[in-house]
Amino acid sequence: FWDLLPDVMYTFLFAFILALLIEGPFRRMEKMLTNKRLHDKS
């Protein structure tokens, strides 16, 4: 069990970092899109 623990932690950490890297640009794009919509409405 203890031999597997580091692998699980590394996998979790990798998935977490990957999610952050993917989510970051998407959030920025989403903000830009919402800003454009707000500007179009006004």
PDB file of N, CA and C in Angstrom:
ATOM      1  N   PHE A   1       0.832  -1.216   0.000  1.00  0.00           N
ATOM      2  CA  PHE A   1       0.000   0.000   0.000  1.00  0.00           C
ATOM      3  C   PHE A   1       0.862   1.260   0.000  1.00  0.00           C
ATOM      4  N   TRP A   2       1.872   1.270   0.871  1.00  0.00           N
ATOM      5  CA  TRP A   2       2.720   2.463   0.977  1.00  0.00           C
ATOM      6  C   TRP A   2       3.559   2.665  -0.283  1.00  0.00           C
ATOM      7  N   ASP A   3       3.807   1.577  -1.001  1.00  0.00           N
ATOM      8  CA  ASP A   3       4.564   1.709  -2.251  1.00  0.00           C
ATOM      9  C   ASP A   3       3.724   2.410  -3.312  1.00  0.00           C
ATOM     10  N   LEU A   4       2.405   2.210  -3.258  1.00  0.00           N
ATOM     11  CA  LEU A   4       1.514   2.797  -4.256  1.00  0.00           C
ATOM     12  C   LEU A   4       1.185   4.255  -3.948  1.00  0.00           C
ATOM     13  N   LEU A   5       1.287   4.635  -2.686  1.00  0.00           N
ATOM     14  CA  LEU A   5       0.883   5.979  -2.264  1.00  0.00           C
ATOM     15  C   LEU A   5       1.548   7.102  -3.064  1.00  0.00           C
ATOM     16  N   PRO A   6       2.885   7.081  -3.234  1.00  0.00           N
ATOM     17  CA  PRO A   6       3.517   8.153  -4.024  1.00  0.00           C
ATOM     18  C   PRO A   6       2.968   8.241  -5.444  1.00  0.00           C
ATOM     19  N   ASP A   7       2.732   7.086  -6.067  1.00  0.00           N
ATOM     20  CA  ASP A   7       2.193   7.078  -7.433  1.00  0.00           C
ATOM     21  C   ASP A   7       0.838   7.767  -7.474  1.00  0.00           C
ATOM     22  N   VAL A   8      -0.005   7.448  -6.494  1.00  0.00           N
ATOM     23  CA  VAL A   8      -1.342   8.050  -6.437  1.00  0.00           C
ATOM     24  C   VAL A   8      -1.229   9.557  -6.248  1.00  0.00           C
ATOM     25  N   MET A   9      -0.329   9.969  -5.362  1.00  0.00           N
ATOM     26  CA  MET A   9      -0.148  11.398  -5.091  1.00  0.00           C
ATOM     27  C   MET A   9       0.349  12.125  -6.336  1.00  0.00           C
ATOM     28  N   TYR A  10       1.327  11.519  -7.018  1.00  0.00           N
ATOM     29  CA  TYR A  10       1.854  12.140  -8.235  1.00  0.00           C
ATOM     30  C   TYR A  10       0.780  12.244  -9.310  1.00  0.00           C
ATOM     31  N   THR A  11      -0.027  11.193  -9.445  1.00  0.00           N
ATOM     32  CA  THR A  11      -1.111  11.195 -10.430  1.00  0.00           C
ATOM     33  C   THR A  11      -2.116  12.289 -10.107  1.00  0.00           C
ATOM     34  N   PHE A  12      -2.474  12.408  -8.828  1.00  0.00           N
ATOM     35  CA  PHE A  12      -3.423  13.428  -8.381  1.00  0.00           C
ATOM     36  C   PHE A  12      -2.858  14.821  -8.634  1.00  0.00           C
ATOM     37  N   LEU A  13      -1.574  15.001  -8.283  1.00  0.00           N
ATOM     38  CA  LEU A  13      -0.913  16.293  -8.467  1.00  0.00           C
ATOM     39  C   LEU A  13      -0.867  16.663  -9.944  1.00  0.00           C
ATOM     40  N   PHE A  14      -0.528  15.684 -10.786  1.00  0.00           N
ATOM     41  CA  PHE A  14      -0.455  15.905 -12.232  1.00  0.00           C
ATOM     42  C   PHE A  14      -1.812  16.309 -12.783  1.00  0.00           C
ATOM     43  N   ALA A  15      -2.859  15.602 -12.348  1.00  0.00           N
ATOM     44  CA  ALA A  15      -4.216  15.905 -12.798  1.00  0.00           C
ATOM     45  C   ALA A  15      -4.624  17.304 -12.345  1.00  0.00           C
ATOM     46  N   PHE A  16      -4.244  17.662 -11.119  1.00  0.00           N
ATOM     47  CA  PHE A  16      -4.587  18.973 -10.563  1.00  0.00           C
ATOM     48  C   PHE A  16      -3.920  20.091 -11.360  1.00  0.00           C
ATOM     49  N   ILE A  17      -2.622  19.934 -11.632  1.00  0.00           N
ATOM     50  CA  ILE A  17      -1.881  20.938 -12.404  1.00  0.00           C
ATOM     51  C   ILE A  17      -2.434  21.033 -13.816  1.00  0.00           C
ATOM     52  N   LEU A  18      -2.740  19.878 -14.410  1.00  0.00           N
ATOM     53  CA  LEU A  18      -3.296  19.850 -15.759  1.00  0.00           C
ATOM     54  C   LEU A  18      -4.626  20.592 -15.792  1.00  0.00           C
ATOM     55  N   ALA A  19      -5.454  20.357 -14.776  1.00  0.00           N
ATOM     56  CA  ALA A  19      -6.756  21.026 -14.688  1.00  0.00           C
ATOM     57  C   ALA A  19      -6.564  22.538 -14.582  1.00  0.00           C
ATOM     58  N   LEU A  20      -5.598  22.972 -13.780  1.00  0.00           N
ATOM     59  CA  LEU A  20      -5.334  24.404 -13.624  1.00  0.00           C
ATOM     60  C   LEU A  20      -4.883  25.013 -14.948  1.00  0.00           C
ATOM     61  N   LEU A  21      -3.972  24.312 -15.642  1.00  0.00           N
ATOM     62  CA  LEU A  21      -3.456  24.813 -16.915  1.00  0.00           C
ATOM     63  C   LEU A  21      -4.566  24.937 -17.949  1.00  0.00           C
ATOM     64  N   ILE A  22      -5.478  23.965 -17.957  1.00  0.00           N
ATOM     65  CA  ILE A  22      -6.576  23.982 -18.924  1.00  0.00           C
ATOM     66  C   ILE A  22      -7.634  25.000 -18.518  1.00  0.00           C
ATOM     67  N   GLU A  23      -7.935  25.051 -17.215  1.00  0.00           N
ATOM     68  CA  GLU A  23      -9.006  25.914 -16.727  1.00  0.00           C
ATOM     69  C   GLU A  23      -8.640  27.393 -16.832  1.00  0.00           C
ATOM     70  N   GLY A  24      -7.371  27.720 -16.623  1.00  0.00           N
ATOM     71  CA  GLY A  24      -6.924  29.111 -16.662  1.00  0.00           C
ATOM     72  C   GLY A  24      -7.308  29.835 -17.943  1.00  0.00           C
ATOM     73  N   PRO A  25      -6.819  29.367 -19.105  1.00  0.00           N
ATOM     74  CA  PRO A  25      -7.163  30.008 -20.384  1.00  0.00           C
ATOM     75  C   PRO A  25      -8.657  30.035 -20.647  1.00  0.00           C
ATOM     76  N   PHE A  26      -9.372  28.961 -20.279  1.00  0.00           N
ATOM     77  CA  PHE A  26     -10.819  28.910 -20.500  1.00  0.00           C
ATOM     78  C   PHE A  26     -11.514  30.011 -19.718  1.00  0.00           C
ATOM     79  N   ARG A  27     -11.088  30.205 -18.470  1.00  0.00           N
ATOM     80  CA  ARG A  27     -11.665  31.258 -17.624  1.00  0.00           C
ATOM     81  C   ARG A  27     -11.443  32.618 -18.272  1.00  0.00           C
ATOM     82  N   ARG A  28     -10.231  32.822 -18.803  1.00  0.00           N
ATOM     83  CA  ARG A  28      -9.901  34.101 -19.431  1.00  0.00           C
ATOM     84  C   ARG A  28     -10.773  34.330 -20.665  1.00  0.00           C
ATOM     85  N   MET A  29     -10.932  33.273 -21.473  1.00  0.00           N
ATOM     86  CA  MET A  29     -11.771  33.365 -22.672  1.00  0.00           C
ATOM     87  C   MET A  29     -13.206  33.676 -22.284  1.00  0.00           C
ATOM     88  N   GLU A  30     -13.674  33.002 -21.234  1.00  0.00           N
ATOM     89  CA  GLU A  30     -15.043  33.201 -20.768  1.00  0.00           C
ATOM     90  C   GLU A  30     -15.245  34.649 -20.323  1.00  0.00           C
ATOM     91  N   LYS A  31     -14.272  35.193 -19.602  1.00  0.00           N
ATOM     92  CA  LYS A  31     -14.353  36.584 -19.147  1.00  0.00           C
ATOM     93  C   LYS A  31     -14.416  37.530 -20.340  1.00  0.00           C
ATOM     94  N   MET A  32     -13.578  37.283 -21.337  1.00  0.00           N
ATOM     95  CA  MET A  32     -13.561  38.122 -22.537  1.00  0.00           C
ATOM     96  C   MET A  32     -14.913  38.062 -23.241  1.00  0.00           C
ATOM     97  N   LEU A  33     -15.475  36.858 -23.354  1.00  0.00           N
ATOM     98  CA  LEU A  33     -16.769  36.688 -24.021  1.00  0.00           C
ATOM     99  C   LEU A  33     -17.868  37.423 -23.263  1.00  0.00           C
ATOM    100  N   THR A  34     -17.884  37.297 -21.939  1.00  0.00           N
ATOM    101  CA  THR A  34     -18.920  37.961 -21.137  1.00  0.00           C
ATOM    102  C   THR A  34     -18.751  39.473 -21.231  1.00  0.00           C
ATOM    103  N   ASN A  35     -17.508  39.939 -21.266  1.00  0.00           N
ATOM    104  CA  ASN A  35     -17.262  41.376 -21.398  1.00  0.00           C
ATOM    105  C   ASN A  35     -17.783  41.891 -22.737  1.00  0.00           C
ATOM    106  N   LYS A  36     -17.540  41.124 -23.795  1.00  0.00           N
ATOM    107  CA  LYS A  36     -18.021  41.511 -25.128  1.00  0.00           C
ATOM    108  C   LYS A  36     -19.543  41.587 -25.131  1.00  0.00           C
ATOM    109  N   ARG A  37     -20.188  40.592 -24.525  1.00  0.00           N
ATOM    110  CA  ARG A  37     -21.649  40.569 -24.471  1.00  0.00           C
ATOM    111  C   ARG A  37     -22.169  41.792 -23.727  1.00  0.00           C
ATOM    112  N   LEU A  38     -21.530  42.129 -22.616  1.00  0.00           N
ATOM    113  CA  LEU A  38     -21.952  43.293 -21.830  1.00  0.00           C
ATOM    114  C   LEU A  38     -21.803  44.567 -22.655  1.00  0.00           C
ATOM    115  N   HIS A  39     -20.702  44.669 -23.397  1.00  0.00           N
ATOM    116  CA  HIS A  39     -20.475  45.856 -24.225  1.00  0.00           C
ATOM    117  C   HIS A  39     -21.499  45.941 -25.350  1.00  0.00           C
ATOM    118  N   ASP A  40     -21.840  44.784 -25.925  1.00  0.00           N
ATOM    119  CA  ASP A  40     -22.816  44.771 -27.020  1.00  0.00           C
ATOM    120  C   ASP A  40     -24.191  45.218 -26.528  1.00  0.00           C
ATOM    121  N   LYS A  41     -24.566  44.782 -25.320  1.00  0.00           N
ATOM    122  CA  LYS A  41     -25.890  45.120 -24.784  1.00  0.00           C
ATOM    123  C   LYS A  41     -26.018  46.620 -24.548  1.00  0.00           C
ATOM    124  N   SER A  42     -24.981  47.236 -23.967  1.00  0.00           N
ATOM    125  CA  SER A  42     -25.077  48.648 -23.597  1.00  0.00           C
ATOM    126  C   SER A  42     -24.912  49.580 -24.792  1.00  0.00           C
TER     127      SER A  42
END
